[in-house]
């Protein structure tokens, strides 16, 4: 039943994305088209979560490295269908994570990568995505090399507002800093909740009656 639910949710999100794509093609205003494109990227990330869940062995937790690989690939191809002419670098600790935490992590990454693709990556540049677990905290870092001669920054628009909101869902902190050599670094640091450390550090052992996963509520 859980497998079927995840599959149907993914299909419904893809239908919504297709409807938005149709609406986007009918628009002529560049700002409106860009807003629809951003929304489609967020919905596609959610659909990717549910696809990863029903393909996962236990359907409750996802291998984060595999998920980020797919997400980064999906983002740098974009609406044009052509891969962005930039290098990508991914480093991720071995992590399996539940959907309550995967959703805000994925959506934070979508906003950061989208901003990098629009404002921080010239041809031949590099996008770096790193996820590390350090004791009782975890850290997602997304960095780009920027454009030569152009100062990098993240505006105070919808993207930044959403990234702050996603960090709060994880009881974490976002930081945004210009890189010394150019480009921007967006970092999300959040605590590893009690009872989740085992799941974050390695693939889970079979749970018994006294070792239950208790995901924190989102929103």
Protein backbone atom coordinates (compact mmCIF):
# COMPACT_ATOMS: atom_id res chain seq x y z
CA UNK A 1 0.00 0.00 0.00
CA UNK A 2 2.83 2.40 0.89
CA UNK A 3 4.54 1.62 -2.41
CA UNK A 4 1.34 2.44 -4.31
CA UNK A 5 0.83 5.69 -2.39
CA UNK A 6 4.37 6.93 -3.13
CA UNK A 7 3.96 5.98 -6.80
CA UNK A 8 0.63 7.78 -7.17
CA UNK A 9 1.85 10.92 -5.41
CA UNK A 10 4.85 11.03 -7.76
CA UNK A 11 2.58 10.63 -10.79
CA UNK A 12 0.24 13.39 -9.60
CA UNK A 13 3.15 15.78 -9.04
CA UNK A 14 4.40 15.04 -12.55
CA UNK A 15 0.94 15.84 -13.94
CA UNK A 16 1.00 19.19 -12.11
CA UNK A 17 4.47 19.88 -13.52
CA UNK A 18 3.21 19.10 -17.04
CA UNK A 19 0.25 21.45 -16.62
CA UNK A 20 2.57 24.22 -15.49
CA UNK A 21 4.80 23.53 -18.49
CA UNK A 22 1.82 24.02 -20.79
CA UNK A 23 0.96 27.27 -19.03
CA UNK A 24 4.57 28.43 -19.25
CA UNK A 25 4.66 27.94 -23.03
CA UNK A 26 1.55 30.12 -23.39
CA UNK A 27 3.13 33.05 -21.53
CA UNK A 28 5.05 35.88 -23.17
CA UNK A 29 6.18 37.85 -20.11
CA UNK A 30 9.76 36.75 -19.20
CA UNK A 31 9.24 37.34 -15.46
CA UNK A 32 6.08 35.23 -15.44
CA UNK A 33 7.78 32.44 -17.40
CA UNK A 34 10.71 32.47 -14.97
CA UNK A 35 8.35 32.25 -11.98
CA UNK A 36 6.54 29.26 -13.50
CA UNK A 37 9.88 27.60 -14.24
CA UNK A 38 11.00 28.03 -10.61
CA UNK A 39 7.74 26.50 -9.38
CA UNK A 40 8.12 23.55 -11.73
CA UNK A 41 11.61 22.89 -10.39
CA UNK A 42 10.28 22.76 -6.83
CA UNK A 43 7.49 20.38 -7.80
CA UNK A 44 9.90 18.18 -9.77
CA UNK A 45 12.12 17.92 -6.69
CA UNK A 46 9.14 16.72 -4.63
CA UNK A 47 8.26 14.18 -7.33
CA UNK A 48 11.85 12.95 -7.22
CA UNK A 49 11.53 12.39 -3.46
CA UNK A 50 8.52 10.13 -3.92
CA UNK A 51 10.18 8.25 -6.76
CA UNK A 52 13.23 7.68 -4.56
CA UNK A 53 10.98 6.47 -1.74
CA UNK A 54 9.15 3.82 -3.75
CA UNK A 55 12.44 2.64 -5.26
CA UNK A 56 14.11 2.46 -1.82
CA UNK A 57 14.36 -1.02 -0.22
CA UNK A 58 12.35 -0.06 2.89
CA UNK A 59 10.27 2.78 1.28
CA UNK A 60 10.77 4.94 4.38
CA UNK A 61 14.30 6.26 3.94
CA UNK A 62 16.42 7.29 0.99
CA UNK A 63 20.12 7.08 0.14
CA UNK A 64 20.96 10.79 0.12
CA UNK A 65 23.93 10.57 -2.22
CA UNK A 66 21.94 8.84 -4.97
CA UNK A 67 19.14 11.36 -4.49
CA UNK A 68 21.45 14.38 -4.72
CA UNK A 69 23.09 12.97 -7.85
CA UNK A 70 19.71 12.80 -9.57
CA UNK A 71 18.63 16.19 -8.28
CA UNK A 72 21.80 17.96 -9.45
CA UNK A 73 21.53 16.31 -12.88
CA UNK A 74 17.89 17.34 -13.16
CA UNK A 75 18.66 20.94 -12.17
CA UNK A 76 21.60 21.58 -14.50
CA UNK A 77 19.69 20.31 -17.53
CA UNK A 78 16.79 22.68 -16.86
CA UNK A 79 14.00 23.68 -19.23
CA UNK A 80 16.21 23.88 -22.32
CA UNK A 81 16.93 20.15 -22.28
CA UNK A 82 20.63 20.94 -22.73
CA UNK A 83 23.17 20.37 -19.99
CA UNK A 84 24.68 23.52 -18.50
CA UNK A 85 28.26 23.98 -19.73
CA UNK A 86 29.77 23.76 -16.25
CA UNK A 87 31.45 21.10 -14.12
CA UNK A 88 29.69 19.55 -11.14
CA UNK A 89 31.24 18.07 -8.04
CA UNK A 90 29.33 16.05 -5.46
CA UNK A 91 30.62 14.78 -2.11
CA UNK A 92 28.23 13.16 0.35
CA UNK A 93 28.72 11.12 3.50
CA UNK A 94 26.94 7.72 3.51
CA UNK A 95 23.50 8.81 4.68
CA UNK A 96 20.00 7.37 4.65
CA UNK A 97 17.33 9.86 5.60
CA UNK A 98 13.56 9.98 6.13
CA UNK A 99 11.19 12.03 3.92
CA UNK A 100 10.35 14.55 6.67
CA UNK A 101 13.93 15.78 6.54
CA UNK A 102 14.63 14.98 2.90
CA UNK A 103 11.95 17.41 1.66
CA UNK A 104 13.38 20.62 3.20
CA UNK A 105 16.95 19.51 2.36
CA UNK A 106 15.99 18.90 -1.28
CA UNK A 107 14.05 22.14 -1.61
CA UNK A 108 16.88 24.16 -0.03
CA UNK A 109 19.21 22.57 -2.60
CA UNK A 110 16.80 23.42 -5.44
CA UNK A 111 16.82 27.11 -4.54
CA UNK A 112 20.61 27.24 -4.12
CA UNK A 113 21.35 25.34 -7.34
CA UNK A 114 18.76 27.37 -9.28
CA UNK A 115 20.37 30.60 -8.09
CA UNK A 116 23.81 29.28 -9.08
CA UNK A 117 22.62 28.28 -12.55
CA UNK A 118 21.08 31.70 -13.14
CA UNK A 119 23.66 33.98 -11.56
CA UNK A 120 26.78 32.05 -10.57
CA UNK A 121 27.91 29.72 -13.35
CA UNK A 122 29.62 30.75 -16.53
CA UNK A 123 30.82 28.30 -19.16
CA UNK A 124 33.58 26.19 -17.68
CA UNK A 125 32.61 27.10 -14.11
CA UNK A 126 32.02 24.64 -11.29
CA UNK A 127 29.09 23.81 -9.03
CA UNK A 128 29.99 21.97 -5.81
CA UNK A 129 27.45 20.15 -3.62
CA UNK A 130 28.64 18.68 -0.30
CA UNK A 131 26.80 16.97 2.55
CA UNK A 132 28.68 16.12 5.74
CA UNK A 133 27.65 14.71 9.11
CA UNK A 134 29.77 16.10 11.94
CA UNK A 135 28.90 14.59 15.31
CA UNK A 136 25.42 15.79 16.24
CA UNK A 137 25.04 18.17 13.27
CA UNK A 138 24.77 17.88 9.48
CA UNK A 139 25.84 20.40 6.87
CA UNK A 140 24.74 20.88 3.25
CA UNK A 141 26.97 23.23 1.25
CA UNK A 142 26.30 24.42 -2.31
CA UNK A 143 28.95 26.60 -3.89
CA UNK A 144 29.59 28.04 -7.37
CA UNK A 145 32.55 29.75 -8.99
CA UNK A 146 30.61 32.78 -10.23
CA UNK A 147 31.20 35.04 -13.21
CA UNK A 148 34.48 36.84 -13.79
CA UNK A 149 34.26 40.46 -12.70
CA UNK A 150 30.78 40.12 -11.19
CA UNK A 151 30.06 40.22 -7.46
CA UNK A 152 27.94 37.27 -6.32
CA UNK A 153 25.04 37.65 -3.95
CA UNK A 154 21.69 36.12 -3.11
CA UNK A 155 18.86 38.65 -3.30
CA UNK A 156 16.08 39.10 -0.77
CA UNK A 157 13.46 37.51 -3.02
CA UNK A 158 11.26 34.43 -2.78
CA UNK A 159 14.20 32.02 -3.09
CA UNK A 160 16.01 33.34 -0.02
CA UNK A 161 12.76 33.48 1.97
CA UNK A 162 12.07 29.83 1.15
CA UNK A 163 15.61 28.75 2.04
CA UNK A 164 15.30 30.36 5.46
CA UNK A 165 11.93 28.63 5.94
CA UNK A 166 13.37 25.22 4.98
CA UNK A 167 16.22 25.71 7.45
CA UNK A 168 13.71 26.48 10.21
CA UNK A 169 11.82 23.27 9.45
CA UNK A 170 15.04 21.43 10.27
CA UNK A 171 15.73 23.67 13.30
CA UNK A 172 18.84 24.73 11.45
CA UNK A 173 20.61 27.86 10.23
CA UNK A 174 21.29 29.02 6.66
CA UNK A 175 24.31 31.14 5.75
CA UNK A 176 25.15 32.87 2.47
CA UNK A 177 28.68 34.09 1.79
CA UNK A 178 30.62 35.25 -1.24
CA UNK A 179 33.57 33.00 -2.09
CA UNK A 180 36.99 34.71 -2.07
CA UNK A 181 37.70 33.54 -5.62
CA UNK A 182 34.23 34.41 -6.92
CA UNK A 183 30.79 32.91 -6.68
CA UNK A 184 28.49 32.25 -3.73
CA UNK A 185 28.39 29.61 -0.99
CA UNK A 186 24.99 28.68 0.49
CA UNK A 187 25.20 26.51 3.59
CA UNK A 188 22.50 24.76 5.62
CA UNK A 189 23.53 23.49 9.07
CA UNK A 190 21.04 21.58 11.19
CA UNK A 191 21.12 19.28 14.23
CA UNK A 192 20.91 15.53 13.91
CA UNK A 193 17.86 14.74 16.09
CA UNK A 194 18.15 12.24 18.91
CA UNK A 195 17.38 8.81 17.57
CA UNK A 196 18.35 9.76 14.02
CA UNK A 197 22.14 9.58 14.35
CA UNK A 198 22.23 5.87 13.54
CA UNK A 199 20.14 6.41 10.44
CA UNK A 200 22.28 9.28 9.24
CA UNK A 201 25.67 7.70 9.75
CA UNK A 202 25.06 4.33 8.09
CA UNK A 203 22.33 2.17 6.55
CA UNK A 204 19.89 1.22 9.30
CA UNK A 205 19.86 -2.01 11.25
CA UNK A 206 16.51 -3.81 11.40
CA UNK A 207 14.41 -1.98 13.98
CA UNK A 208 13.05 -3.81 17.01
CA UNK A 209 10.16 -2.87 19.27
CA UNK A 210 12.25 -0.54 21.41
CA UNK A 211 14.09 1.16 18.54
CA UNK A 212 11.51 3.06 16.55
CA UNK A 213 12.13 6.00 14.24
CA UNK A 214 10.16 9.08 15.30
CA UNK A 215 10.42 11.66 12.49
CA UNK A 216 9.95 15.27 13.61
CA UNK A 217 6.93 17.02 12.16
CA UNK A 218 7.57 19.32 9.20
CA UNK A 219 6.09 22.85 9.27
